[in-house]
PDB file of all heavy atoms in Angstrom:
ATOM      1  N   ASP A   1      20.058  29.666  -1.878  1.00  0.00           N
ATOM      2  CA  ASP A   1      21.340  29.139  -1.605  1.00  0.00           C
ATOM      3  C   ASP A   1      21.435  28.588  -0.281  1.00  0.00           C
ATOM      4  O   ASP A   1      20.592  28.779   0.621  1.00  0.00           O
ATOM      5  CB  ASP A   1      22.437  30.439  -1.669  1.00  0.00           C
ATOM      6  CG  ASP A   1      22.396  31.124  -2.993  1.00  0.00           C
ATOM      7  OD1 ASP A   1      22.451  30.303  -4.007  1.00  0.00           O
ATOM      8  OD2 ASP A   1      22.537  32.279  -3.099  1.00  0.00           O
ATOM      9  N   SER A   2      22.498  27.829  -0.029  1.00  0.00           N
ATOM     10  CA  SER A   2      22.743  27.237   1.278  1.00  0.00           C
ATOM     11  C   SER A   2      21.436  26.462   1.736  1.00  0.00           C
ATOM     12  O   SER A   2      21.000  26.604   2.913  1.00  0.00           O
ATOM     13  CB  SER A   2      23.120  28.235   2.385  1.00  0.00           C
ATOM     14  OG  SER A   2      24.288  28.911   2.014  1.00  0.00           O
ATOM     15  N   LEU A   3      20.888  25.676   0.821  1.00  0.00           N
ATOM     16  CA  LEU A   3      19.634  24.968   1.228  1.00  0.00           C
ATOM     17  C   LEU A   3      19.850  24.037   2.382  1.00  0.00           C
ATOM     18  O   LEU A   3      20.945  23.384   2.591  1.00  0.00           O
ATOM     19  CB  LEU A   3      19.193  24.346  -0.076  1.00  0.00           C
ATOM     20  CG  LEU A   3      18.471  25.152  -1.092  1.00  0.00           C
ATOM     21  CD1 LEU A   3      18.441  24.497  -2.518  1.00  0.00           C
ATOM     22  CD2 LEU A   3      17.041  25.498  -0.675  1.00  0.00           C
ATOM     23  N   LYS A   4      18.781  23.923   3.038  1.00  0.00           N
ATOM     24  CA  LYS A   4      18.609  22.961   4.238  1.00  0.00           C
ATOM     25  C   LYS A   4      17.433  21.964   4.012  1.00  0.00           C
ATOM     26  O   LYS A   4      16.574  22.317   3.377  1.00  0.00           O
ATOM     27  CB  LYS A   4      18.402  23.778   5.518  1.00  0.00           C
ATOM     28  CG  LYS A   4      19.442  24.909   5.680  1.00  0.00           C
ATOM     29  CD  LYS A   4      19.028  25.732   7.025  1.00  0.00           C
ATOM     30  CE  LYS A   4      20.049  26.822   7.272  1.00  0.00           C
ATOM     31  NZ  LYS A   4      19.616  27.689   8.437  1.00  0.00           N
ATOM     32  N   PRO A   5      17.580  20.933   4.775  1.00  0.00           N
ATOM     33  CA  PRO A   5      16.556  19.884   4.519  1.00  0.00           C
ATOM     34  C   PRO A   5      15.174  20.369   5.042  1.00  0.00           C
ATOM     35  O   PRO A   5      14.171  20.155   4.373  1.00  0.00           O
ATOM     36  CB  PRO A   5      16.999  18.828   5.623  1.00  0.00           C
ATOM     37  CG  PRO A   5      18.429  18.873   5.581  1.00  0.00           C
ATOM     38  CD  PRO A   5      18.809  20.279   5.452  1.00  0.00           C
ATOM     39  N   GLU A   6      15.211  21.439   5.894  1.00  0.00           N
ATOM     40  CA  GLU A   6      13.907  22.005   6.281  1.00  0.00           C
ATOM     41  C   GLU A   6      13.306  22.948   5.219  1.00  0.00           C
ATOM     42  O   GLU A   6      12.167  23.456   5.354  1.00  0.00           O
ATOM     43  CB  GLU A   6      14.007  22.697   7.568  1.00  0.00           C
ATOM     44  CG  GLU A   6      15.134  23.762   7.584  1.00  0.00           C
ATOM     45  CD  GLU A   6      16.365  23.072   8.400  1.00  0.00           C
ATOM     46  OE1 GLU A   6      16.809  21.960   7.972  1.00  0.00           O
ATOM     47  OE2 GLU A   6      17.035  23.835   9.120  1.00  0.00           O
ATOM     48  N   ASP A   7      14.044  23.139   4.166  1.00  0.00           N
ATOM     49  CA  ASP A   7      13.489  23.934   3.056  1.00  0.00           C
ATOM     50  C   ASP A   7      12.683  23.137   2.068  1.00  0.00           C
ATOM     51  O   ASP A   7      12.091  23.541   1.112  1.00  0.00           O
ATOM     52  CB  ASP A   7      14.680  24.591   2.200  1.00  0.00           C
ATOM     53  CG  ASP A   7      15.438  25.605   3.040  1.00  0.00           C
ATOM     54  OD1 ASP A   7      14.699  26.432   3.782  1.00  0.00           O
ATOM     55  OD2 ASP A   7      16.594  25.634   2.904  1.00  0.00           O
ATOM     56  N   THR A   8      12.754  21.791   2.378  1.00  0.00           N
ATOM     57  CA  THR A   8      12.007  20.831   1.479  1.00  0.00           C
ATOM     58  C   THR A   8      10.453  21.182   1.561  1.00  0.00           C
ATOM     59  O   THR A   8       9.787  21.265   2.545  1.00  0.00           O
ATOM     60  CB  THR A   8      12.204  19.361   1.964  1.00  0.00           C
ATOM     61  OG1 THR A   8      13.581  19.030   1.698  1.00  0.00           O
ATOM     62  CG2 THR A   8      11.280  18.509   1.182  1.00  0.00           C
ATOM     63  N   ALA A   9       9.857  21.372   0.305  1.00  0.00           N
ATOM     64  CA  ALA A   9       8.525  21.719   0.238  1.00  0.00           C
ATOM     65  C   ALA A   9       8.119  21.879  -1.261  1.00  0.00           C
ATOM     66  O   ALA A   9       8.976  21.910  -2.077  1.00  0.00           O
ATOM     67  CB  ALA A   9       8.180  23.051   0.920  1.00  0.00           C
ATOM     68  N   VAL A  10       6.853  22.045  -1.510  1.00  0.00           N
ATOM     69  CA  VAL A  10       6.459  22.507  -2.820  1.00  0.00           C
ATOM     70  C   VAL A  10       6.397  24.111  -2.825  1.00  0.00           C
ATOM     71  O   VAL A  10       5.762  24.606  -1.829  1.00  0.00           O
ATOM     72  CB  VAL A  10       4.890  21.931  -3.124  1.00  0.00           C
ATOM     73  CG1 VAL A  10       4.530  22.565  -4.488  1.00  0.00           C
ATOM     74  CG2 VAL A  10       4.961  20.453  -3.126  1.00  0.00           C
ATOM     75  N   TYR A  11       7.004  24.603  -3.719  1.00  0.00           N
ATOM     76  CA  TYR A  11       7.132  26.040  -3.824  1.00  0.00           C
ATOM     77  C   TYR A  11       6.186  26.658  -4.852  1.00  0.00           C
ATOM     78  O   TYR A  11       6.112  26.176  -6.027  1.00  0.00           O
ATOM     79  CB  TYR A  11       8.502  26.484  -4.138  1.00  0.00           C
ATOM     80  CG  TYR A  11       9.472  26.414  -2.999  1.00  0.00           C
ATOM     81  CD1 TYR A  11       9.836  25.123  -2.555  1.00  0.00           C
ATOM     82  CD2 TYR A  11       9.930  27.507  -2.278  1.00  0.00           C
ATOM     83  CE1 TYR A  11      10.724  25.029  -1.399  1.00  0.00           C
ATOM     84  CE2 TYR A  11      10.812  27.375  -1.206  1.00  0.00           C
ATOM     85  CZ  TYR A  11      11.127  26.230  -0.691  1.00  0.00           C
ATOM     86  OH  TYR A  11      11.976  26.022   0.436  1.00  0.00           O
ATOM     87  N   TYR A  12       5.372  27.706  -4.424  1.00  0.00           N
ATOM     88  CA  TYR A  12       4.388  28.260  -5.188  1.00  0.00           C
ATOM     89  C   TYR A  12       4.750  29.784  -5.511  1.00  0.00           C
ATOM     90  O   TYR A  12       5.135  30.483  -4.622  1.00  0.00           O
ATOM     91  CB  TYR A  12       3.079  28.161  -4.538  1.00  0.00           C
ATOM     92  CG  TYR A  12       2.534  26.855  -4.307  1.00  0.00           C
ATOM     93  CD1 TYR A  12       2.716  26.177  -3.115  1.00  0.00           C
ATOM     94  CD2 TYR A  12       1.813  26.216  -5.330  1.00  0.00           C
ATOM     95  CE1 TYR A  12       2.337  24.897  -2.977  1.00  0.00           C
ATOM     96  CE2 TYR A  12       1.328  24.894  -5.089  1.00  0.00           C
ATOM     97  CZ  TYR A  12       1.587  24.249  -3.900  1.00  0.00           C
ATOM     98  OH  TYR A  12       1.088  23.000  -3.688  1.00  0.00           O
ATOM     99  N   CYS A  13       4.505  30.187  -6.671  1.00  0.00           N
ATOM    100  CA  CYS A  13       4.612  31.633  -7.117  1.00  0.00           C
ATOM    101  C   CYS A  13       3.177  32.212  -7.062  1.00  0.00           C
ATOM    102  O   CYS A  13       2.218  31.452  -7.334  1.00  0.00           O
ATOM    103  CB  CYS A  13       5.201  31.752  -8.508  1.00  0.00           C
ATOM    104  SG  CYS A  13       5.192  33.395  -9.271  1.00  0.00           S
ATOM    105  N   ALA A  14       3.021  33.425  -6.616  1.00  0.00           N
ATOM    106  CA  ALA A  14       1.768  33.962  -6.456  1.00  0.00           C
ATOM    107  C   ALA A  14       1.770  35.515  -6.815  1.00  0.00           C
ATOM    108  O   ALA A  14       2.866  36.141  -6.614  1.00  0.00           O
ATOM    109  CB  ALA A  14       1.231  33.844  -4.999  1.00  0.00           C
ATOM    110  N   ALA A  15       0.586  36.088  -7.180  1.00  0.00           N
ATOM    111  CA  ALA A  15       0.567  37.479  -7.564  1.00  0.00           C
ATOM    112  C   ALA A  15      -0.487  38.131  -6.834  1.00  0.00           C
ATOM    113  O   ALA A  15      -1.630  37.544  -6.739  1.00  0.00           O
ATOM    114  CB  ALA A  15       0.359  37.594  -9.069  1.00  0.00           C
ATOM    115  N   ASP A  16      -0.329  39.233  -6.198  1.00  0.00           N
ATOM    116  CA  ASP A  16      -1.202  40.147  -5.460  1.00  0.00           C
ATOM    117  C   ASP A  16      -1.486  41.369  -6.255  1.00  0.00           C
ATOM    118  O   ASP A  16      -0.666  42.296  -6.391  1.00  0.00           O
ATOM    119  CB  ASP A  16      -0.639  40.406  -4.056  1.00  0.00           C
ATOM    120  CG  ASP A  16      -1.643  41.264  -3.263  1.00  0.00           C
ATOM    121  OD1 ASP A  16      -2.641  41.705  -3.767  1.00  0.00           O
ATOM    122  OD2 ASP A  16      -1.186  41.561  -2.096  1.00  0.00           O
ATOM    123  N   ARG A  17      -2.769  41.556  -6.806  1.00  0.00           N
ATOM    124  CA  ARG A  17      -3.119  42.665  -7.671  1.00  0.00           C
ATOM    125  C   ARG A  17      -3.601  43.743  -6.878  1.00  0.00           C
ATOM    126  O   ARG A  17      -4.059  44.845  -7.462  1.00  0.00           O
ATOM    127  CB  ARG A  17      -4.047  42.148  -8.676  1.00  0.00           C
ATOM    128  CG  ARG A  17      -5.457  41.734  -8.134  1.00  0.00           C
ATOM    129  CD  ARG A  17      -6.393  41.293  -9.176  1.00  0.00           C
ATOM    130  NE  ARG A  17      -7.595  40.820  -8.604  1.00  0.00           N
ATOM    131  CZ  ARG A  17      -8.626  40.462  -9.309  1.00  0.00           C
ATOM    132  NH1 ARG A  17      -8.559  40.543 -10.671  1.00  0.00           N
ATOM    133  NH2 ARG A  17      -9.761  40.122  -8.759  1.00  0.00           N
ATOM    134  N   ARG A  18      -3.737  43.812  -5.507  1.00  0.00           N
ATOM    135  CA  ARG A  18      -4.418  44.784  -4.752  1.00  0.00           C
ATOM    136  C   ARG A  18      -3.745  46.024  -4.917  1.00  0.00           C
ATOM    137  O   ARG A  18      -4.327  47.191  -4.950  1.00  0.00           O
ATOM    138  CB  ARG A  18      -4.515  44.328  -3.245  1.00  0.00           C
ATOM    139  CG  ARG A  18      -5.373  43.124  -3.088  1.00  0.00           C
ATOM    140  CD  ARG A  18      -5.309  42.632  -1.617  1.00  0.00           C
ATOM    141  NE  ARG A  18      -4.000  42.533  -1.123  1.00  0.00           N
ATOM    142  CZ  ARG A  18      -3.524  42.738   0.066  1.00  0.00           C
ATOM    143  NH1 ARG A  18      -4.384  43.237   1.023  1.00  0.00           N
ATOM    144  NH2 ARG A  18      -2.252  42.455   0.367  1.00  0.00           N
ATOM    145  N   GLY A  19      -2.434  46.098  -4.817  1.00  0.00           N
ATOM    146  CA  GLY A  19      -1.742  47.413  -4.727  1.00  0.00           C
ATOM    147  C   GLY A  19      -0.300  47.107  -4.666  1.00  0.00           C
ATOM    148  O   GLY A  19       0.214  46.058  -4.407  1.00  0.00           O
ATOM    149  N   PRO A  20       0.567  48.181  -4.980  1.00  0.00           N
ATOM    150  CA  PRO A  20       1.901  47.911  -5.251  1.00  0.00           C
ATOM    151  C   PRO A  20       2.895  48.239  -4.011  1.00  0.00           C
ATOM    152  O   PRO A  20       4.075  48.308  -4.127  1.00  0.00           O
ATOM    153  CB  PRO A  20       2.275  49.026  -6.287  1.00  0.00           C
ATOM    154  CG  PRO A  20       1.318  50.092  -5.972  1.00  0.00           C
ATOM    155  CD  PRO A  20       0.070  49.605  -5.380  1.00  0.00           C
ATOM    156  N   ILE A  21       2.216  48.427  -2.790  1.00  0.00           N
ATOM    157  CA  ILE A  21       2.953  48.806  -1.635  1.00  0.00           C
ATOM    158  C   ILE A  21       3.189  47.740  -0.616  1.00  0.00           C
ATOM    159  O   ILE A  21       4.278  47.446  -0.170  1.00  0.00           O
ATOM    160  CB  ILE A  21       2.273  50.075  -0.950  1.00  0.00           C
ATOM    161  CG1 ILE A  21       1.999  51.175  -1.910  1.00  0.00           C
ATOM    162  CG2 ILE A  21       3.222  50.546   0.231  1.00  0.00           C
ATOM    163  CD1 ILE A  21       3.255  51.834  -2.459  1.00  0.00           C
ATOM    164  N   LEU A  22       2.129  47.068  -0.244  1.00  0.00           N
ATOM    165  CA  LEU A  22       2.162  46.178   0.877  1.00  0.00           C
ATOM    166  C   LEU A  22       2.521  44.713   0.412  1.00  0.00           C
ATOM    167  O   LEU A  22       1.958  44.178  -0.600  1.00  0.00           O
ATOM    168  CB  LEU A  22       0.802  46.132   1.541  1.00  0.00           C
ATOM    169  CG  LEU A  22       0.649  45.086   2.670  1.00  0.00           C
ATOM    170  CD1 LEU A  22       1.611  45.429   3.832  1.00  0.00           C
ATOM    171  CD2 LEU A  22      -0.700  45.012   3.099  1.00  0.00           C
ATOM    172  N   ILE A  23       3.564  44.198   1.022  1.00  0.00           N
ATOM    173  CA  ILE A  23       3.901  42.661   0.829  1.00  0.00           C
ATOM    174  C   ILE A  23       3.172  41.913   1.905  1.00  0.00           C
ATOM    175  O   ILE A  23       3.635  41.846   3.106  1.00  0.00           O
ATOM    176  CB  ILE A  23       5.336  42.474   0.807  1.00  0.00           C
ATOM    177  CG1 ILE A  23       5.996  43.366  -0.225  1.00  0.00           C
ATOM    178  CG2 ILE A  23       5.597  40.972   0.502  1.00  0.00           C
ATOM    179  CD1 ILE A  23       7.551  43.272  -0.161  1.00  0.00           C
ATOM    180  N   SER A  24       2.081  41.202   1.485  1.00  0.00           N
ATOM    181  CA  SER A  24       1.310  40.467   2.537  1.00  0.00           C
ATOM    182  C   SER A  24       2.007  39.110   2.674  1.00  0.00           C
ATOM    183  O   SER A  24       2.516  38.496   1.642  1.00  0.00           O
ATOM    184  CB  SER A  24      -0.130  40.361   2.087  1.00  0.00           C
ATOM    185  OG  SER A  24      -0.740  39.393   2.917  1.00  0.00           O
ATOM    186  N   ILE A  25       1.918  38.624   3.896  1.00  0.00           N
ATOM    187  CA  ILE A  25       2.414  37.215   4.148  1.00  0.00           C
ATOM    188  C   ILE A  25       1.344  36.189   4.160  1.00  0.00           C
ATOM    189  O   ILE A  25       1.477  35.117   4.385  1.00  0.00           O
ATOM    190  CB  ILE A  25       3.237  37.209   5.503  1.00  0.00           C
ATOM    191  CG1 ILE A  25       2.294  37.520   6.669  1.00  0.00           C
ATOM    192  CG2 ILE A  25       4.348  38.162   5.434  1.00  0.00           C
ATOM    193  CD1 ILE A  25       2.943  37.249   7.976  1.00  0.00           C
ATOM    194  N   ASN A  26       0.060  36.719   3.923  1.00  0.00           N
ATOM    195  CA  ASN A  26      -1.073  35.833   4.061  1.00  0.00           C
ATOM    196  C   ASN A  26      -1.456  35.309   2.644  1.00  0.00           C
ATOM    197  O   ASN A  26      -1.729  36.141   1.679  1.00  0.00           O
ATOM    198  CB  ASN A  26      -2.313  36.670   4.593  1.00  0.00           C
ATOM    199  CG  ASN A  26      -2.060  37.072   5.958  1.00  0.00           C
ATOM    200  OD1 ASN A  26      -1.612  36.376   6.727  1.00  0.00           O
ATOM    201  ND2 ASN A  26      -2.390  38.417   6.259  1.00  0.00           N
ATOM    202  N   ALA A  27      -1.436  34.073   2.466  1.00  0.00           N
ATOM    203  CA  ALA A  27      -1.698  33.486   1.199  1.00  0.00           C
ATOM    204  C   ALA A  27      -3.127  33.931   0.538  1.00  0.00           C
ATOM    205  O   ALA A  27      -3.296  33.999  -0.621  1.00  0.00           O
ATOM    206  CB  ALA A  27      -1.783  31.846   1.253  1.00  0.00           C
ATOM    207  N   GLY A  28      -4.130  34.126   1.470  1.00  0.00           N
ATOM    208  CA  GLY A  28      -5.452  34.540   1.065  1.00  0.00           C
ATOM    209  C   GLY A  28      -5.495  35.928   0.359  1.00  0.00           C
ATOM    210  O   GLY A  28      -6.481  36.193  -0.283  1.00  0.00           O
ATOM    211  N   ASP A  29      -4.371  36.784   0.526  1.00  0.00           N
ATOM    212  CA  ASP A  29      -4.353  38.076  -0.062  1.00  0.00           C
ATOM    213  C   ASP A  29      -3.936  37.936  -1.528  1.00  0.00           C
ATOM    214  O   ASP A  29      -3.896  38.936  -2.274  1.00  0.00           O
ATOM    215  CB  ASP A  29      -3.403  38.928   0.692  1.00  0.00           C
ATOM    216  CG  ASP A  29      -4.174  39.352   1.944  1.00  0.00           C
ATOM    217  OD1 ASP A  29      -5.376  39.433   2.100  1.00  0.00           O
ATOM    218  OD2 ASP A  29      -3.368  39.704   2.961  1.00  0.00           O
ATOM    219  N   TYR A  30      -3.429  36.808  -1.981  1.00  0.00           N
ATOM    220  CA  TYR A  30      -2.873  36.672  -3.366  1.00  0.00           C
ATOM    221  C   TYR A  30      -3.974  36.165  -4.260  1.00  0.00           C
ATOM    222  O   TYR A  30      -4.681  35.154  -3.953  1.00  0.00           O
ATOM    223  CB  TYR A  30      -1.610  35.767  -3.349  1.00  0.00           C
ATOM    224  CG  TYR A  30      -0.408  36.478  -2.673  1.00  0.00           C
ATOM    225  CD1 TYR A  30      -0.371  36.663  -1.331  1.00  0.00           C
ATOM    226  CD2 TYR A  30       0.590  37.085  -3.447  1.00  0.00           C
ATOM    227  CE1 TYR A  30       0.681  37.373  -0.737  1.00  0.00           C
ATOM    228  CE2 TYR A  30       1.643  37.758  -2.893  1.00  0.00           C
ATOM    229  CZ  TYR A  30       1.685  37.831  -1.579  1.00  0.00           C
ATOM    230  OH  TYR A  30       2.651  38.519  -0.986  1.00  0.00           O
ATOM    231  N   ASP A  31      -4.018  36.659  -5.482  1.00  0.00           N
ATOM    232  CA  ASP A  31      -5.087  36.445  -6.481  1.00  0.00           C
ATOM    233  C   ASP A  31      -4.839  35.305  -7.418  1.00  0.00           C
ATOM    234  O   ASP A  31      -5.694  34.657  -7.832  1.00  0.00           O
ATOM    235  CB  ASP A  31      -5.436  37.658  -7.085  1.00  0.00           C
ATOM    236  CG  ASP A  31      -5.827  38.789  -6.238  1.00  0.00           C
ATOM    237  OD1 ASP A  31      -6.910  38.806  -5.742  1.00  0.00           O
ATOM    238  OD2 ASP A  31      -4.886  39.735  -6.124  1.00  0.00           O
ATOM    239  N   TYR A  32      -3.516  35.189  -7.756  1.00  0.00           N
ATOM    240  CA  TYR A  32      -3.137  34.148  -8.747  1.00  0.00           C
ATOM    241  C   TYR A  32      -2.062  33.329  -8.228  1.00  0.00           C
ATOM    242  O   TYR A  32      -1.177  33.711  -7.495  1.00  0.00           O
ATOM    243  CB  TYR A  32      -2.636  34.898 -10.076  1.00  0.00           C
ATOM    244  CG  TYR A  32      -3.750  35.893 -10.620  1.00  0.00           C
ATOM    245  CD1 TYR A  32      -3.452  37.233 -10.497  1.00  0.00           C
ATOM    246  CD2 TYR A  32      -4.818  35.418 -11.275  1.00  0.00           C
ATOM    247  CE1 TYR A  32      -4.387  38.073 -10.952  1.00  0.00           C
ATOM    248  CE2 TYR A  32      -5.820  36.334 -11.711  1.00  0.00           C
ATOM    249  CZ  TYR A  32      -5.439  37.667 -11.621  1.00  0.00           C
ATOM    250  OH  TYR A  32      -6.502  38.567 -12.139  1.00  0.00           O
ATOM    251  N   TRP A  33      -2.138  32.011  -8.639  1.00  0.00           N
ATOM    252  CA  TRP A  33      -1.141  31.084  -8.106  1.00  0.00           C
ATOM    253  C   TRP A  33      -0.723  30.109  -9.171  1.00  0.00           C
ATOM    254  O   TRP A  33      -1.470  29.775 -10.247  1.00  0.00           O
ATOM    255  CB  TRP A  33      -1.803  30.127  -7.019  1.00  0.00           C
ATOM    256  CG  TRP A  33      -2.088  30.945  -5.769  1.00  0.00           C
ATOM    257  CD1 TRP A  33      -3.209  31.669  -5.562  1.00  0.00           C
ATOM    258  CD2 TRP A  33      -1.221  30.973  -4.725  1.00  0.00           C
ATOM    259  NE1 TRP A  33      -3.078  32.196  -4.281  1.00  0.00           N
ATOM    260  CE2 TRP A  33      -1.832  31.859  -3.658  1.00  0.00           C
ATOM    261  CE3 TRP A  33       0.021  30.448  -4.315  1.00  0.00           C
ATOM    262  CZ2 TRP A  33      -1.303  32.062  -2.501  1.00  0.00           C
ATOM    263  CZ3 TRP A  33       0.523  30.635  -3.031  1.00  0.00           C
ATOM    264  CH2 TRP A  33      -0.084  31.514  -2.101  1.00  0.00           C
ATOM    265  N   GLY A  34       0.533  29.685  -9.128  1.00  0.00           N
ATOM    266  CA  GLY A  34       1.007  28.684 -10.115  1.00  0.00           C
ATOM    267  C   GLY A  34       0.691  27.287  -9.398  1.00  0.00           C
ATOM    268  O   GLY A  34       0.030  27.130  -8.272  1.00  0.00           O
ATOM    269  N   GLN A  35       1.088  26.297 -10.144  1.00  0.00           N
ATOM    270  CA  GLN A  35       0.791  24.856  -9.715  1.00  0.00           C
ATOM    271  C   GLN A  35       1.856  24.300  -8.714  1.00  0.00           C
ATOM    272  O   GLN A  35       1.518  23.276  -8.084  1.00  0.00           O
ATOM    273  CB  GLN A  35       0.779  23.963 -10.929  1.00  0.00           C
ATOM    274  CG  GLN A  35       2.088  23.467 -11.502  1.00  0.00           C
ATOM    275  CD  GLN A  35       2.908  24.468 -12.127  1.00  0.00           C
ATOM    276  OE1 GLN A  35       2.471  25.639 -12.439  1.00  0.00           O
ATOM    277  NE2 GLN A  35       4.222  24.116 -12.255  1.00  0.00           N
ATOM    278  N   GLY A  36       2.931  25.026  -8.585  1.00  0.00           N
ATOM    279  CA  GLY A  36       3.903  24.593  -7.660  1.00  0.00           C
ATOM    280  C   GLY A  36       5.003  23.697  -8.336  1.00  0.00           C
ATOM    281  O   GLY A  36       4.791  23.094  -9.269  1.00  0.00           O
ATOM    282  N   THR A  37       6.191  23.816  -7.655  1.00  0.00           N
ATOM    283  CA  THR A  37       7.321  22.991  -8.017  1.00  0.00           C
ATOM    284  C   THR A  37       8.028  22.375  -6.820  1.00  0.00           C
ATOM    285  O   THR A  37       8.181  23.086  -5.744  1.00  0.00           O
ATOM    286  CB  THR A  37       8.309  23.757  -8.897  1.00  0.00           C
ATOM    287  OG1 THR A  37       9.348  22.891  -9.343  1.00  0.00           O
ATOM    288  CG2 THR A  37       8.949  25.005  -8.099  1.00  0.00           C
ATOM    289  N   GLN A  38       8.348  21.142  -6.808  1.00  0.00           N
ATOM    290  CA  GLN A  38       8.896  20.418  -5.721  1.00  0.00           C
ATOM    291  C   GLN A  38      10.345  20.701  -5.483  1.00  0.00           C
ATOM    292  O   GLN A  38      11.187  20.603  -6.506  1.00  0.00           O
ATOM    293  CB  GLN A  38       8.642  18.951  -5.796  1.00  0.00           C
ATOM    294  CG  GLN A  38       9.219  18.080  -4.643  1.00  0.00           C
ATOM    295  CD  GLN A  38       8.444  18.294  -3.362  1.00  0.00           C
ATOM    296  OE1 GLN A  38       7.176  18.229  -3.417  1.00  0.00           O
ATOM    297  NE2 GLN A  38       9.228  18.449  -2.268  1.00  0.00           N
ATOM    298  N   VAL A  39      10.710  21.086  -4.299  1.00  0.00           N
ATOM    299  CA  VAL A  39      12.080  21.229  -3.942  1.00  0.00           C
ATOM    300  C   VAL A  39      12.356  20.152  -2.820  1.00  0.00           C
ATOM    301  O   VAL A  39      11.592  20.218  -1.769  1.00  0.00           O
ATOM    302  CB  VAL A  39      12.421  22.616  -3.486  1.00  0.00           C
ATOM    303  CG1 VAL A  39      13.928  22.710  -2.940  1.00  0.00           C
ATOM    304  CG2 VAL A  39      12.198  23.608  -4.631  1.00  0.00           C
TER     305      VAL A  39
END
């Protein structure tokens, strides 16, 4: 909501199978990725 021009990017969904507790901000910690969608 309330989108801004600086939100413009390709958005990717990712899944981290390591464990159910920690939400990592590092892309390298995610195992599966989608192809992305442009916003």
